[in-house]
Amino acid sequence: MTQGLILIDFQKGFEAPIWGQRNNKDAETNAAGLLAAWRAGHAPVVHVRHASTQAGSPLAKGSAGFAFMDALAPKGDEPVFEKSVNSAFIGTGLEAYLRDQSIKAVVIAGLTTPHCVSTSARMAANLGFDVILAHDACATFARNGDMSWSDASMAIDPETSHQIAVAHLHGEFVRAQSCDEILKSL
């Protein structure tokens, strides 16, 4: 079975200070290790990036932050899908591409764990793909109680947010594994 690697939103805009405190400073390095292994094995790699429609977003199309992080930028004919919602499958040709390439299993890594990564992983599973989440090649930011239903006492640190998101996915939508576990199984 061909296993594809889906890299979600590894964009320079996520380096902007506006996002605040972040967990897992090694996420990009770990994802780059997966990317190198997939490329070495000539396995399918898919890049997804967010084209924000919010004014002033660091991820807005045409902004410097829209660009891929250098270590995780596409090469050659690796496909790129652009989305403007959380799911990599909504408004893109990702599902059709995976099916056309006979890819039935995917490894997902990206930013941010409880948002675009989680939404895309859930959808991939619901569409019938076998999904592995490279949990240590994902990261997120603190939730600062800035939601209209919340207050500052509801703030969630980034590591807790990440762990909760992974826990919600593991066993129901994905198999959460470390990059080392994934690389050993190749």
N, C-alpha and C. Protein backbone atom coordinates (compact mmCIF):
# COMPACT_ATOMS: atom_id res chain seq x y z
N MET A 1 0.85 -1.18 0.00
CA MET A 1 0.00 0.00 0.00
C MET A 1 0.89 1.24 0.00
N THR A 2 0.56 2.16 -0.88
CA THR A 2 1.29 3.42 -0.95
C THR A 2 0.81 4.34 0.16
N GLN A 3 1.74 4.85 0.94
CA GLN A 3 1.41 5.76 2.05
C GLN A 3 1.90 7.16 1.69
N GLY A 4 0.98 8.11 1.68
CA GLY A 4 1.33 9.48 1.36
C GLY A 4 1.64 10.29 2.61
N LEU A 5 2.45 11.30 2.44
CA LEU A 5 2.75 12.25 3.51
C LEU A 5 2.05 13.55 3.20
N ILE A 6 1.22 14.02 4.12
CA ILE A 6 0.51 15.29 3.95
C ILE A 6 1.06 16.28 4.97
N LEU A 7 1.67 17.34 4.47
CA LEU A 7 2.22 18.40 5.32
C LEU A 7 1.28 19.59 5.27
N ILE A 8 0.77 19.97 6.43
CA ILE A 8 -0.28 20.99 6.50
C ILE A 8 0.23 22.29 7.09
N ASP A 9 0.14 23.35 6.34
CA ASP A 9 0.34 24.73 6.80
C ASP A 9 1.70 25.03 7.43
N PHE A 10 2.73 24.42 6.94
CA PHE A 10 4.08 24.80 7.39
C PHE A 10 4.47 26.06 6.63
N GLN A 11 3.91 27.18 7.08
CA GLN A 11 4.07 28.47 6.41
C GLN A 11 4.79 29.46 7.31
N LYS A 12 5.50 30.36 6.66
CA LYS A 12 6.28 31.37 7.39
C LYS A 12 5.41 32.25 8.28
N GLY A 13 4.15 32.41 7.93
CA GLY A 13 3.24 33.22 8.74
C GLY A 13 3.07 32.71 10.16
N PHE A 14 3.31 31.44 10.38
CA PHE A 14 3.21 30.88 11.73
C PHE A 14 4.43 31.21 12.58
N GLU A 15 5.40 31.86 12.00
CA GLU A 15 6.56 32.34 12.77
C GLU A 15 6.31 33.74 13.34
N ALA A 16 5.19 34.37 12.99
CA ALA A 16 4.87 35.72 13.44
C ALA A 16 4.55 35.73 14.95
N PRO A 17 5.00 36.75 15.66
CA PRO A 17 4.77 36.81 17.10
C PRO A 17 3.29 36.93 17.49
N ILE A 18 2.43 37.29 16.55
CA ILE A 18 1.01 37.45 16.84
C ILE A 18 0.37 36.19 17.43
N TRP A 19 0.92 35.03 17.12
CA TRP A 19 0.34 33.77 17.58
C TRP A 19 0.59 33.51 19.05
N GLY A 20 1.63 34.09 19.61
CA GLY A 20 1.92 33.89 21.04
C GLY A 20 2.71 32.63 21.33
N GLN A 21 2.56 32.16 22.55
CA GLN A 21 3.33 31.02 23.06
C GLN A 21 2.98 29.75 22.28
N ARG A 22 4.01 28.96 21.97
CA ARG A 22 3.85 27.75 21.16
C ARG A 22 4.51 26.56 21.84
N ASN A 23 4.01 25.38 21.58
CA ASN A 23 4.66 24.16 22.05
C ASN A 23 5.53 23.58 20.93
N ASN A 24 6.23 22.54 21.22
CA ASN A 24 6.98 21.71 20.28
C ASN A 24 7.78 22.51 19.24
N LYS A 25 8.84 23.11 19.71
CA LYS A 25 9.72 23.88 18.81
C LYS A 25 10.41 22.98 17.77
N ASP A 26 10.34 21.66 17.96
CA ASP A 26 10.98 20.71 17.04
C ASP A 26 10.03 20.19 15.96
N ALA A 27 8.81 20.68 15.92
CA ALA A 27 7.83 20.14 14.96
C ALA A 27 8.35 20.21 13.52
N GLU A 28 8.89 21.37 13.14
CA GLU A 28 9.37 21.52 11.75
C GLU A 28 10.56 20.61 11.47
N THR A 29 11.47 20.49 12.42
CA THR A 29 12.62 19.59 12.25
C THR A 29 12.15 18.15 12.10
N ASN A 30 11.20 17.75 12.94
CA ASN A 30 10.67 16.39 12.85
C ASN A 30 9.95 16.16 11.53
N ALA A 31 9.16 17.15 11.10
CA ALA A 31 8.47 17.03 9.81
C ALA A 31 9.48 16.97 8.66
N ALA A 32 10.55 17.73 8.76
CA ALA A 32 11.58 17.70 7.71
C ALA A 32 12.24 16.32 7.63
N GLY A 33 12.36 15.64 8.76
CA GLY A 33 12.88 14.28 8.76
C GLY A 33 11.96 13.32 8.02
N LEU A 34 10.65 13.47 8.25
CA LEU A 34 9.69 12.66 7.51
C LEU A 34 9.76 12.97 6.02
N LEU A 35 9.81 14.25 5.70
CA LEU A 35 9.86 14.67 4.31
C LEU A 35 11.09 14.09 3.61
N ALA A 36 12.23 14.13 4.26
CA ALA A 36 13.45 13.57 3.68
C ALA A 36 13.30 12.07 3.42
N ALA A 37 12.69 11.35 4.35
CA ALA A 37 12.50 9.91 4.18
C ALA A 37 11.53 9.61 3.04
N TRP A 38 10.45 10.38 2.94
CA TRP A 38 9.50 10.17 1.85
C TRP A 38 10.16 10.45 0.50
N ARG A 39 10.91 11.54 0.46
CA ARG A 39 11.58 11.86 -0.81
C ARG A 39 12.61 10.80 -1.16
N ALA A 40 13.36 10.32 -0.19
CA ALA A 40 14.38 9.29 -0.45
C ALA A 40 13.73 8.00 -0.96
N GLY A 41 12.53 7.71 -0.47
CA GLY A 41 11.82 6.51 -0.89
C GLY A 41 10.92 6.72 -2.09
N HIS A 42 10.98 7.92 -2.67
CA HIS A 42 10.15 8.28 -3.82
C HIS A 42 8.66 8.02 -3.54
N ALA A 43 8.26 8.27 -2.29
CA ALA A 43 6.87 8.11 -1.88
C ALA A 43 6.14 9.44 -2.07
N PRO A 44 4.82 9.40 -2.20
CA PRO A 44 4.07 10.62 -2.47
C PRO A 44 4.05 11.61 -1.29
N VAL A 45 4.31 12.86 -1.63
CA VAL A 45 4.29 13.97 -0.67
C VAL A 45 3.30 15.00 -1.18
N VAL A 46 2.47 15.50 -0.27
CA VAL A 46 1.48 16.52 -0.60
C VAL A 46 1.67 17.68 0.36
N HIS A 47 1.66 18.89 -0.17
CA HIS A 47 1.78 20.10 0.65
C HIS A 47 0.44 20.83 0.62
N VAL A 48 0.02 21.29 1.79
CA VAL A 48 -1.21 22.06 1.91
C VAL A 48 -0.84 23.37 2.59
N ARG A 49 -1.43 24.46 2.10
CA ARG A 49 -1.21 25.73 2.80
C ARG A 49 -2.51 26.51 2.90
N HIS A 50 -2.54 27.32 3.93
CA HIS A 50 -3.74 28.10 4.23
C HIS A 50 -3.67 29.46 3.55
N ALA A 51 -4.71 29.78 2.82
CA ALA A 51 -4.85 31.09 2.18
C ALA A 51 -5.93 31.83 2.96
N SER A 52 -5.53 32.50 4.02
CA SER A 52 -6.48 33.17 4.90
C SER A 52 -7.24 34.26 4.17
N THR A 53 -8.51 34.36 4.49
CA THR A 53 -9.35 35.42 3.94
C THR A 53 -9.55 36.55 4.95
N GLN A 54 -8.93 36.44 6.12
CA GLN A 54 -9.05 37.48 7.14
C GLN A 54 -8.07 38.60 6.85
N ALA A 55 -8.56 39.82 6.90
CA ALA A 55 -7.71 40.99 6.66
C ALA A 55 -6.57 41.02 7.67
N GLY A 56 -5.35 41.25 7.18
CA GLY A 56 -4.18 41.36 8.04
C GLY A 56 -3.61 40.06 8.54
N SER A 57 -4.15 38.94 8.11
CA SER A 57 -3.64 37.65 8.58
C SER A 57 -2.22 37.42 8.08
N PRO A 58 -1.34 36.87 8.94
CA PRO A 58 0.01 36.51 8.49
C PRO A 58 0.00 35.39 7.44
N LEU A 59 -1.16 34.75 7.23
CA LEU A 59 -1.28 33.66 6.26
C LEU A 59 -2.05 34.07 5.01
N ALA A 60 -2.24 35.37 4.82
CA ALA A 60 -2.98 35.85 3.66
C ALA A 60 -2.19 35.60 2.37
N LYS A 61 -2.92 35.19 1.35
CA LYS A 61 -2.29 34.97 0.04
C LYS A 61 -1.65 36.27 -0.41
N GLY A 62 -0.43 36.20 -0.90
CA GLY A 62 0.29 37.38 -1.34
C GLY A 62 1.18 37.98 -0.27
N SER A 63 0.98 37.59 0.98
CA SER A 63 1.84 38.09 2.06
C SER A 63 3.09 37.23 2.16
N ALA A 64 4.13 37.76 2.81
CA ALA A 64 5.35 36.98 3.02
C ALA A 64 5.08 35.72 3.83
N GLY A 65 4.12 35.77 4.73
CA GLY A 65 3.78 34.63 5.58
C GLY A 65 3.05 33.51 4.87
N PHE A 66 2.56 33.78 3.66
CA PHE A 66 1.88 32.75 2.88
C PHE A 66 2.87 31.70 2.37
N ALA A 67 4.14 32.09 2.24
CA ALA A 67 5.17 31.19 1.71
C ALA A 67 5.41 30.01 2.65
N PHE A 68 5.82 28.90 2.05
CA PHE A 68 6.20 27.74 2.85
C PHE A 68 7.50 28.01 3.60
N MET A 69 7.64 27.40 4.77
CA MET A 69 8.91 27.43 5.49
C MET A 69 9.95 26.76 4.60
N ASP A 70 11.15 27.30 4.58
CA ASP A 70 12.17 26.83 3.63
C ASP A 70 12.42 25.33 3.70
N ALA A 71 12.57 24.78 4.89
CA ALA A 71 12.91 23.36 5.05
C ALA A 71 11.77 22.43 4.63
N LEU A 72 10.57 22.97 4.49
CA LEU A 72 9.41 22.14 4.18
C LEU A 72 8.71 22.58 2.89
N ALA A 73 9.43 23.31 2.07
CA ALA A 73 8.86 23.80 0.81
C ALA A 73 8.80 22.67 -0.22
N PRO A 74 7.80 22.72 -1.08
CA PRO A 74 7.68 21.71 -2.14
C PRO A 74 8.87 21.73 -3.10
N LYS A 75 9.15 20.57 -3.64
CA LYS A 75 10.19 20.43 -4.67
C LYS A 75 9.61 19.65 -5.84
N GLY A 76 10.16 19.91 -7.00
CA GLY A 76 9.77 19.16 -8.19
C GLY A 76 8.29 19.21 -8.44
N ASP A 77 7.71 18.03 -8.64
CA ASP A 77 6.29 17.96 -8.97
C ASP A 77 5.41 17.62 -7.77
N GLU A 78 5.91 17.85 -6.56
CA GLU A 78 5.08 17.61 -5.37
C GLU A 78 3.88 18.56 -5.40
N PRO A 79 2.67 18.01 -5.33
CA PRO A 79 1.49 18.86 -5.45
C PRO A 79 1.27 19.76 -4.24
N VAL A 80 0.69 20.91 -4.51
CA VAL A 80 0.33 21.90 -3.48
C VAL A 80 -1.15 22.16 -3.58
N PHE A 81 -1.83 22.09 -2.45
CA PHE A 81 -3.25 22.40 -2.38
C PHE A 81 -3.43 23.58 -1.44
N GLU A 82 -4.22 24.54 -1.88
CA GLU A 82 -4.49 25.73 -1.07
C GLU A 82 -5.92 25.67 -0.56
N LYS A 83 -6.08 26.02 0.71
CA LYS A 83 -7.38 25.99 1.34
C LYS A 83 -7.63 27.33 2.03
N SER A 84 -8.89 27.63 2.28
CA SER A 84 -9.21 28.85 3.03
C SER A 84 -10.08 28.53 4.24
N VAL A 85 -10.23 27.23 4.52
CA VAL A 85 -10.93 26.75 5.71
C VAL A 85 -10.00 25.78 6.43
N ASN A 86 -10.44 25.22 7.54
CA ASN A 86 -9.57 24.34 8.32
C ASN A 86 -9.24 23.02 7.62
N SER A 87 -10.17 22.45 6.91
CA SER A 87 -9.95 21.14 6.30
C SER A 87 -9.20 21.24 4.98
N ALA A 88 -8.19 20.40 4.85
CA ALA A 88 -7.42 20.32 3.60
C ALA A 88 -8.24 19.69 2.48
N PHE A 89 -9.41 19.15 2.81
CA PHE A 89 -10.24 18.47 1.81
C PHE A 89 -11.38 19.34 1.27
N ILE A 90 -11.66 20.47 1.89
CA ILE A 90 -12.77 21.33 1.46
C ILE A 90 -12.25 22.36 0.45
N GLY A 91 -12.85 22.37 -0.72
CA GLY A 91 -12.49 23.34 -1.74
C GLY A 91 -11.15 23.09 -2.41
N THR A 92 -10.62 21.90 -2.23
CA THR A 92 -9.34 21.54 -2.86
C THR A 92 -9.53 20.24 -3.65
N GLY A 93 -8.54 19.87 -4.40
CA GLY A 93 -8.58 18.60 -5.12
C GLY A 93 -7.83 17.50 -4.38
N LEU A 94 -7.61 17.66 -3.07
CA LEU A 94 -6.79 16.70 -2.33
C LEU A 94 -7.37 15.28 -2.36
N GLU A 95 -8.65 15.14 -2.06
CA GLU A 95 -9.23 13.79 -2.06
C GLU A 95 -9.10 13.14 -3.43
N ALA A 96 -9.44 13.87 -4.47
CA ALA A 96 -9.35 13.32 -5.83
C ALA A 96 -7.92 12.93 -6.17
N TYR A 97 -6.96 13.77 -5.77
CA TYR A 97 -5.55 13.45 -6.03
C TYR A 97 -5.15 12.15 -5.34
N LEU A 98 -5.48 12.03 -4.05
CA LEU A 98 -5.11 10.83 -3.31
C LEU A 98 -5.73 9.58 -3.94
N ARG A 99 -6.97 9.68 -4.33
CA ARG A 99 -7.64 8.52 -4.95
C ARG A 99 -7.04 8.22 -6.33
N ASP A 100 -6.76 9.25 -7.11
CA ASP A 100 -6.15 9.04 -8.43
C ASP A 100 -4.79 8.38 -8.32
N GLN A 101 -4.07 8.65 -7.24
CA GLN A 101 -2.75 8.07 -7.03
C GLN A 101 -2.81 6.73 -6.27
N SER A 102 -4.01 6.25 -6.01
CA SER A 102 -4.24 5.00 -5.25
C SER A 102 -3.63 5.04 -3.86
N ILE A 103 -3.64 6.22 -3.25
CA ILE A 103 -3.14 6.38 -1.89
C ILE A 103 -4.29 6.14 -0.93
N LYS A 104 -4.13 5.11 -0.10
CA LYS A 104 -5.19 4.75 0.85
C LYS A 104 -4.80 5.04 2.29
N ALA A 105 -3.52 5.29 2.50
CA ALA A 105 -3.02 5.56 3.85
C ALA A 105 -2.17 6.83 3.81
N VAL A 106 -2.33 7.66 4.84
CA VAL A 106 -1.59 8.92 4.90
C VAL A 106 -0.99 9.13 6.28
N VAL A 107 0.13 9.83 6.28
CA VAL A 107 0.74 10.34 7.50
C VAL A 107 0.55 11.85 7.44
N ILE A 108 0.03 12.41 8.52
CA ILE A 108 -0.25 13.85 8.57
C ILE A 108 0.64 14.51 9.61
N ALA A 109 1.21 15.66 9.23
CA ALA A 109 1.98 16.51 10.13
C ALA A 109 1.64 17.94 9.80
N GLY A 110 1.72 18.84 10.77
CA GLY A 110 1.46 20.22 10.43
C GLY A 110 1.12 21.13 11.58
N LEU A 111 0.62 22.29 11.19
CA LEU A 111 0.24 23.35 12.11
C LEU A 111 -1.21 23.74 11.80
N THR A 112 -1.99 23.97 12.76
CA THR A 112 -1.83 23.73 14.18
C THR A 112 -2.65 22.50 14.57
N THR A 113 -2.21 21.83 15.62
CA THR A 113 -2.78 20.53 15.98
C THR A 113 -4.30 20.57 16.16
N PRO A 114 -4.85 21.49 16.98
CA PRO A 114 -6.30 21.41 17.22
C PRO A 114 -7.14 22.05 16.12
N HIS A 115 -6.52 22.61 15.13
CA HIS A 115 -7.29 23.31 14.09
C HIS A 115 -7.18 22.58 12.76
N CYS A 116 -6.34 23.03 11.87
CA CYS A 116 -6.27 22.46 10.52
C CYS A 116 -5.79 21.02 10.51
N VAL A 117 -4.86 20.67 11.39
CA VAL A 117 -4.39 19.28 11.45
C VAL A 117 -5.53 18.38 11.89
N SER A 118 -6.18 18.72 12.99
CA SER A 118 -7.27 17.91 13.52
C SER A 118 -8.42 17.79 12.52
N THR A 119 -8.84 18.91 11.97
CA THR A 119 -9.96 18.90 11.03
C THR A 119 -9.63 18.05 9.81
N SER A 120 -8.43 18.19 9.28
CA SER A 120 -8.02 17.42 8.10
C SER A 120 -7.89 15.94 8.42
N ALA A 121 -7.35 15.61 9.59
CA ALA A 121 -7.20 14.20 9.99
C ALA A 121 -8.57 13.54 10.17
N ARG A 122 -9.47 14.25 10.81
CA ARG A 122 -10.82 13.71 11.00
C ARG A 122 -11.49 13.46 9.65
N MET A 123 -11.37 14.42 8.75
CA MET A 123 -11.99 14.26 7.44
C MET A 123 -11.35 13.14 6.65
N ALA A 124 -10.04 13.04 6.70
CA ALA A 124 -9.35 11.95 6.00
C ALA A 124 -9.88 10.60 6.47
N ALA A 125 -10.01 10.45 7.78
CA ALA A 125 -10.54 9.19 8.33
C ALA A 125 -11.98 8.97 7.89
N ASN A 126 -12.80 10.02 7.94
CA ASN A 126 -14.20 9.89 7.54
C ASN A 126 -14.35 9.56 6.07
N LEU A 127 -13.37 9.95 5.27
CA LEU A 127 -13.38 9.64 3.84
C LEU A 127 -12.83 8.24 3.54
N GLY A 128 -12.39 7.54 4.60
CA GLY A 128 -11.95 6.16 4.44
C GLY A 128 -10.46 5.96 4.33
N PHE A 129 -9.66 7.00 4.54
CA PHE A 129 -8.21 6.84 4.51
C PHE A 129 -7.73 6.31 5.86
N ASP A 130 -6.67 5.52 5.84
CA ASP A 130 -6.00 5.08 7.05
C ASP A 130 -5.04 6.20 7.43
N VAL A 131 -5.18 6.77 8.63
CA VAL A 131 -4.46 7.98 8.99
C VAL A 131 -3.53 7.75 10.18
N ILE A 132 -2.29 8.13 10.00
CA ILE A 132 -1.33 8.19 11.10
C ILE A 132 -1.03 9.66 11.33
N LEU A 133 -1.12 10.09 12.58
CA LEU A 133 -0.77 11.45 12.96
C LEU A 133 0.64 11.44 13.55
N ALA A 134 1.54 12.16 12.91
CA ALA A 134 2.90 12.31 13.43
C ALA A 134 2.84 13.40 14.52
N HIS A 135 2.48 12.98 15.72
CA HIS A 135 2.17 13.95 16.78
C HIS A 135 3.32 14.87 17.14
N ASP A 136 4.54 14.40 16.98
CA ASP A 136 5.68 15.26 17.32
C ASP A 136 6.19 16.07 16.12
N ALA A 137 5.43 16.02 15.04
CA ALA A 137 5.68 16.89 13.88
C ALA A 137 4.49 17.84 13.71
N CYS A 138 3.83 18.11 14.83
CA CYS A 138 2.71 19.05 14.89
C CYS A 138 2.95 19.99 16.07
N ALA A 139 2.30 21.13 16.03
CA ALA A 139 2.44 22.09 17.14
C ALA A 139 1.21 22.99 17.15
N THR A 140 1.08 23.70 18.26
CA THR A 140 -0.02 24.66 18.37
C THR A 140 0.38 25.82 19.27
N PHE A 141 -0.54 26.72 19.45
CA PHE A 141 -0.31 27.93 20.25
C PHE A 141 -1.27 27.94 21.43
N ALA A 142 -0.96 28.78 22.40
CA ALA A 142 -1.83 28.92 23.58
C ALA A 142 -3.18 29.47 23.17
N ARG A 143 -4.19 29.04 23.87
CA ARG A 143 -5.52 29.62 23.72
C ARG A 143 -5.66 30.59 24.89
N ASN A 144 -5.82 31.85 24.59
CA ASN A 144 -5.74 32.88 25.62
C ASN A 144 -7.08 33.36 26.15
N GLY A 145 -8.09 32.57 26.06
CA GLY A 145 -9.38 32.99 26.56
C GLY A 145 -9.96 34.13 25.75
N ASP A 146 -9.56 34.23 24.48
CA ASP A 146 -10.02 35.34 23.64
C ASP A 146 -11.30 35.01 22.89
N MET A 147 -11.89 33.88 23.19
CA MET A 147 -13.13 33.50 22.52
C MET A 147 -14.30 34.20 23.20
N SER A 148 -15.33 34.51 22.46
CA SER A 148 -16.43 35.31 22.99
C SER A 148 -17.13 34.65 24.17
N TRP A 149 -17.09 33.33 24.27
CA TRP A 149 -17.75 32.63 25.36
C TRP A 149 -16.84 32.42 26.55
N SER A 150 -15.62 32.89 26.44
CA SER A 150 -14.60 32.57 27.44
C SER A 150 -14.07 33.82 28.13
N ASP A 151 -13.19 33.59 29.08
CA ASP A 151 -12.46 34.69 29.72
C ASP A 151 -11.03 34.23 29.97
N ALA A 152 -10.21 35.12 30.46
CA ALA A 152 -8.79 34.82 30.64
C ALA A 152 -8.55 33.62 31.56
N SER A 153 -9.47 33.34 32.46
CA SER A 153 -9.29 32.20 33.35
C SER A 153 -9.41 30.87 32.60
N MET A 154 -9.87 30.92 31.37
CA MET A 154 -10.03 29.71 30.56
C MET A 154 -8.82 29.47 29.65
N ALA A 155 -7.76 30.22 29.81
CA ALA A 155 -6.58 30.07 28.96
C ALA A 155 -6.05 28.65 29.03
N ILE A 156 -5.58 28.15 27.89
CA ILE A 156 -5.02 26.80 27.81
C ILE A 156 -3.62 26.92 27.25
N ASP A 157 -2.65 26.37 27.97
CA ASP A 157 -1.28 26.45 27.48
C ASP A 157 -1.14 25.58 26.23
N PRO A 158 -0.15 25.87 25.39
CA PRO A 158 -0.06 25.19 24.10
C PRO A 158 0.19 23.68 24.21
N GLU A 159 0.96 23.23 25.18
CA GLU A 159 1.22 21.80 25.29
C GLU A 159 -0.05 21.05 25.68
N THR A 160 -0.83 21.62 26.59
CA THR A 160 -2.10 21.00 26.97
C THR A 160 -3.05 20.97 25.78
N SER A 161 -3.14 22.05 25.05
CA SER A 161 -4.00 22.11 23.88
C SER A 161 -3.60 21.04 22.87
N HIS A 162 -2.30 20.90 22.63
CA HIS A 162 -1.78 19.89 21.70
C HIS A 162 -2.14 18.48 22.18
N GLN A 163 -1.87 18.20 23.45
CA GLN A 163 -2.12 16.86 23.99
C GLN A 163 -3.61 16.50 23.93
N ILE A 164 -4.46 17.47 24.24
CA ILE A 164 -5.90 17.22 24.17
C ILE A 164 -6.32 16.92 22.74
N ALA A 165 -5.82 17.70 21.79
CA ALA A 165 -6.17 17.47 20.38
C ALA A 165 -5.73 16.08 19.93
N VAL A 166 -4.51 15.70 20.28
CA VAL A 166 -4.01 14.36 19.89
C VAL A 166 -4.85 13.28 20.56
N ALA A 167 -5.17 13.46 21.84
CA ALA A 167 -5.97 12.47 22.56
C ALA A 167 -7.36 12.30 21.93
N HIS A 168 -7.95 13.39 21.46
CA HIS A 168 -9.26 13.31 20.82
C HIS A 168 -9.21 12.56 19.50
N LEU A 169 -8.09 12.63 18.82
CA LEU A 169 -7.95 11.98 17.52
C LEU A 169 -7.55 10.51 17.61
N HIS A 170 -6.62 10.21 18.53
CA HIS A 170 -6.02 8.87 18.61
C HIS A 170 -7.07 7.80 18.95
N GLY A 171 -7.04 6.74 18.18
CA GLY A 171 -7.91 5.61 18.45
C GLY A 171 -9.27 5.70 17.77
N GLU A 172 -9.67 6.89 17.39
CA GLU A 172 -10.95 7.03 16.69
C GLU A 172 -10.75 7.46 15.24
N PHE A 173 -9.89 8.44 15.03
CA PHE A 173 -9.65 8.95 13.68
C PHE A 173 -8.25 8.61 13.16
N VAL A 174 -7.29 8.51 14.05
CA VAL A 174 -5.90 8.31 13.67
C VAL A 174 -5.21 7.34 14.62
N ARG A 175 -4.03 6.91 14.21
CA ARG A 175 -3.07 6.31 15.12
C ARG A 175 -2.01 7.37 15.33
N ALA A 176 -1.91 7.88 16.53
CA ALA A 176 -0.89 8.88 16.82
C ALA A 176 0.43 8.17 17.09
N GLN A 177 1.46 8.56 16.34
CA GLN A 177 2.78 7.95 16.49
C GLN A 177 3.84 9.03 16.42
N SER A 178 4.98 8.73 17.03
CA SER A 178 6.12 9.66 16.92
C SER A 178 6.76 9.48 15.56
N CYS A 179 7.54 10.46 15.16
CA CYS A 179 8.26 10.34 13.88
C CYS A 179 9.22 9.17 13.90
N ASP A 180 9.86 8.93 15.04
CA ASP A 180 10.76 7.77 15.12
C ASP A 180 10.01 6.47 14.85
N GLU A 181 8.83 6.31 15.44
CA GLU A 181 8.01 5.10 15.21
C GLU A 181 7.64 4.98 13.73
N ILE A 182 7.25 6.09 13.14
CA ILE A 182 6.84 6.09 11.74
C ILE A 182 8.02 5.72 10.84
N LEU A 183 9.17 6.32 11.09
CA LEU A 183 10.35 6.05 10.26
C LEU A 183 10.82 4.61 10.41
N LYS A 184 10.71 4.04 11.59
CA LYS A 184 11.11 2.65 11.79
C LYS A 184 10.20 1.68 11.04
N SER A 185 8.95 2.09 10.81
CA SER A 185 8.00 1.20 10.14
C SER A 185 8.09 1.26 8.63
N LEU A 186 8.87 2.18 8.10
CA LEU A 186 8.97 2.32 6.63
C LEU A 186 9.77 1.18 6.01
